[in-house]
């Protein structure tokens, strides 16, 4: 499947393992989605600004069920 790209708002996040987070987004195109931001808990991570209600461009792959 090709990657999907959309705008989304962070609804919340949960710490996962030592350095990652599971982040919940709301998007206009896909509704509520969750994804893993690997390394998001590191101080110099590119995912550091994933604060609640912040808006981001999201690129993700949909999982096949």
N, C-alpha and C. Protein backbone atom coordinates (compact mmCIF):
# COMPACT_ATOMS: atom_id res chain seq x y z
N UNK A 1 0.83 -1.19 0.00
CA UNK A 1 0.00 0.00 0.00
C UNK A 1 0.87 1.25 0.00
N UNK A 2 0.47 2.26 -0.73
CA UNK A 2 1.25 3.50 -0.74
C UNK A 2 1.06 4.27 0.57
N UNK A 3 2.02 5.11 0.92
CA UNK A 3 1.86 5.91 2.14
C UNK A 3 0.74 6.94 1.98
N UNK A 4 0.05 7.21 3.08
CA UNK A 4 -1.01 8.22 3.11
C UNK A 4 -0.43 9.48 3.75
N UNK A 5 -0.88 10.65 3.29
CA UNK A 5 -0.42 11.91 3.85
C UNK A 5 -1.63 12.78 4.14
N UNK A 6 -1.70 13.33 5.36
CA UNK A 6 -2.84 14.15 5.75
C UNK A 6 -2.45 15.07 6.90
N UNK A 7 -3.31 16.02 7.21
CA UNK A 7 -3.14 16.89 8.38
C UNK A 7 -3.90 16.29 9.54
N UNK A 8 -3.36 16.40 10.75
CA UNK A 8 -4.04 15.86 11.92
C UNK A 8 -3.74 16.64 13.18
N UNK A 9 -4.62 16.49 14.17
CA UNK A 9 -4.47 17.12 15.48
C UNK A 9 -4.21 16.01 16.51
N UNK A 10 -3.24 16.22 17.37
CA UNK A 10 -2.91 15.23 18.41
C UNK A 10 -3.99 15.27 19.49
N UNK A 11 -4.63 14.12 19.72
CA UNK A 11 -5.63 14.00 20.78
C UNK A 11 -5.03 13.50 22.08
N UNK A 12 -3.96 12.73 21.99
CA UNK A 12 -3.32 12.21 23.20
C UNK A 12 -2.18 11.28 22.84
N UNK A 13 -1.43 10.90 23.86
CA UNK A 13 -0.33 9.96 23.64
C UNK A 13 -0.09 9.15 24.91
N UNK A 14 0.46 7.97 24.71
CA UNK A 14 0.77 7.05 25.80
C UNK A 14 2.23 6.63 25.63
N UNK A 15 3.00 6.66 26.71
CA UNK A 15 4.38 6.18 26.65
C UNK A 15 4.37 4.69 26.36
N UNK A 16 5.28 4.29 25.48
CA UNK A 16 5.37 2.89 25.07
C UNK A 16 6.83 2.51 24.99
N UNK A 17 7.21 1.49 25.67
CA UNK A 17 8.60 1.05 25.79
C UNK A 17 9.46 2.19 26.34
N UNK A 18 10.74 2.14 26.14
CA UNK A 18 11.64 3.12 26.75
C UNK A 18 11.65 4.46 26.04
N UNK A 19 11.53 4.47 24.73
CA UNK A 19 11.72 5.74 24.00
C UNK A 19 10.57 6.10 23.07
N UNK A 20 9.55 5.30 22.97
CA UNK A 20 8.49 5.53 21.99
C UNK A 20 7.18 5.98 22.63
N UNK A 21 6.25 6.43 21.79
CA UNK A 21 4.91 6.81 22.21
C UNK A 21 3.90 6.25 21.22
N UNK A 22 2.71 5.92 21.72
CA UNK A 22 1.57 5.64 20.85
C UNK A 22 0.77 6.93 20.83
N UNK A 23 0.59 7.50 19.65
CA UNK A 23 -0.05 8.80 19.50
C UNK A 23 -1.40 8.63 18.81
N UNK A 24 -2.42 9.32 19.33
CA UNK A 24 -3.75 9.32 18.73
C UNK A 24 -3.97 10.66 18.04
N UNK A 25 -4.34 10.61 16.77
CA UNK A 25 -4.60 11.81 15.97
C UNK A 25 -6.05 11.83 15.52
N UNK A 26 -6.57 13.02 15.27
CA UNK A 26 -7.84 13.15 14.56
C UNK A 26 -7.54 13.83 13.24
N UNK A 27 -7.98 13.21 12.14
CA UNK A 27 -7.77 13.78 10.82
C UNK A 27 -9.11 13.97 10.12
N UNK A 28 -9.16 14.94 9.26
CA UNK A 28 -10.37 15.22 8.48
C UNK A 28 -10.66 14.09 7.49
N UNK A 29 -9.62 13.53 6.91
CA UNK A 29 -9.77 12.51 5.86
C UNK A 29 -9.98 11.09 6.39
N UNK A 30 -9.34 10.74 7.52
CA UNK A 30 -9.35 9.36 8.01
C UNK A 30 -10.00 9.19 9.37
N UNK A 31 -10.44 10.27 10.00
CA UNK A 31 -11.02 10.18 11.33
C UNK A 31 -9.94 9.98 12.38
N UNK A 32 -10.24 9.19 13.40
CA UNK A 32 -9.29 8.94 14.49
C UNK A 32 -8.34 7.82 14.11
N UNK A 33 -7.05 8.10 14.19
CA UNK A 33 -6.04 7.09 13.89
C UNK A 33 -5.00 7.07 15.01
N UNK A 34 -4.34 5.93 15.16
CA UNK A 34 -3.26 5.76 16.13
C UNK A 34 -2.02 5.28 15.41
N UNK A 35 -0.90 5.70 15.94
CA UNK A 35 0.36 5.26 15.38
C UNK A 35 1.47 5.30 16.40
N UNK A 36 2.56 4.62 16.11
CA UNK A 36 3.72 4.60 16.99
C UNK A 36 4.73 5.62 16.49
N UNK A 37 5.13 6.50 17.38
CA UNK A 37 6.20 7.46 17.08
C UNK A 37 7.46 6.93 17.77
N UNK A 38 8.26 6.20 17.01
CA UNK A 38 9.46 5.57 17.58
C UNK A 38 10.49 6.64 17.94
N UNK A 39 10.99 6.56 19.16
CA UNK A 39 12.00 7.51 19.62
C UNK A 39 11.44 8.85 20.07
N UNK A 40 10.14 8.98 20.20
CA UNK A 40 9.51 10.27 20.52
C UNK A 40 9.85 10.78 21.91
N UNK A 41 10.27 9.91 22.81
CA UNK A 41 10.58 10.33 24.18
C UNK A 41 12.03 10.75 24.36
N UNK A 42 12.83 10.66 23.31
CA UNK A 42 14.22 11.12 23.39
C UNK A 42 14.24 12.64 23.35
N UNK A 43 15.22 13.23 24.01
CA UNK A 43 15.29 14.69 24.10
C UNK A 43 15.47 15.37 22.75
N UNK A 44 16.26 14.80 21.88
CA UNK A 44 16.55 15.42 20.58
C UNK A 44 15.76 14.79 19.44
N UNK A 45 14.62 14.22 19.75
CA UNK A 45 13.81 13.54 18.74
C UNK A 45 13.09 14.54 17.84
N UNK A 46 12.90 14.16 16.58
CA UNK A 46 12.11 14.98 15.67
C UNK A 46 10.63 14.93 16.01
N UNK A 47 10.23 13.99 16.88
CA UNK A 47 8.84 13.87 17.32
C UNK A 47 8.57 14.61 18.62
N UNK A 48 9.55 15.31 19.17
CA UNK A 48 9.38 15.98 20.47
C UNK A 48 8.18 16.91 20.54
N UNK A 49 7.84 17.66 19.49
CA UNK A 49 6.71 18.59 19.61
C UNK A 49 5.32 17.95 19.49
N UNK A 50 5.18 16.66 19.73
CA UNK A 50 3.87 16.01 19.65
C UNK A 50 3.07 16.27 20.92
N UNK A 51 2.67 17.51 21.11
CA UNK A 51 1.88 17.92 22.27
C UNK A 51 0.40 17.83 21.94
N UNK A 52 -0.43 17.67 22.96
CA UNK A 52 -1.89 17.58 22.77
C UNK A 52 -2.40 18.85 22.09
N UNK A 53 -3.29 18.67 21.13
CA UNK A 53 -3.94 19.71 20.33
C UNK A 53 -3.01 20.44 19.36
N UNK A 54 -1.79 19.93 19.15
CA UNK A 54 -0.93 20.51 18.13
C UNK A 54 -1.26 19.89 16.78
N UNK A 55 -1.06 20.65 15.71
CA UNK A 55 -1.41 20.19 14.37
C UNK A 55 -0.14 19.80 13.61
N UNK A 56 -0.22 18.67 12.91
CA UNK A 56 0.95 18.14 12.20
C UNK A 56 0.54 17.54 10.86
N UNK A 57 1.50 17.47 9.95
CA UNK A 57 1.34 16.69 8.74
C UNK A 57 1.79 15.27 9.07
N UNK A 58 0.94 14.30 8.75
CA UNK A 58 1.19 12.91 9.11
C UNK A 58 1.36 12.10 7.84
N UNK A 59 2.40 11.29 7.78
CA UNK A 59 2.61 10.35 6.69
C UNK A 59 2.61 8.96 7.33
N UNK A 60 1.73 8.08 6.86
CA UNK A 60 1.60 6.77 7.48
C UNK A 60 1.20 5.72 6.47
N UNK A 61 1.40 4.47 6.84
CA UNK A 61 0.95 3.33 6.06
C UNK A 61 -0.23 2.70 6.78
N UNK A 62 -1.28 2.38 6.04
CA UNK A 62 -2.42 1.69 6.64
C UNK A 62 -2.08 0.21 6.75
N UNK A 63 -2.46 -0.37 7.87
CA UNK A 63 -2.20 -1.78 8.09
C UNK A 63 -3.31 -2.60 7.45
N UNK A 64 -2.93 -3.68 6.78
CA UNK A 64 -3.92 -4.58 6.19
C UNK A 64 -4.42 -5.53 7.26
N UNK A 65 -5.73 -5.71 7.35
CA UNK A 65 -6.31 -6.62 8.35
C UNK A 65 -6.59 -7.98 7.78
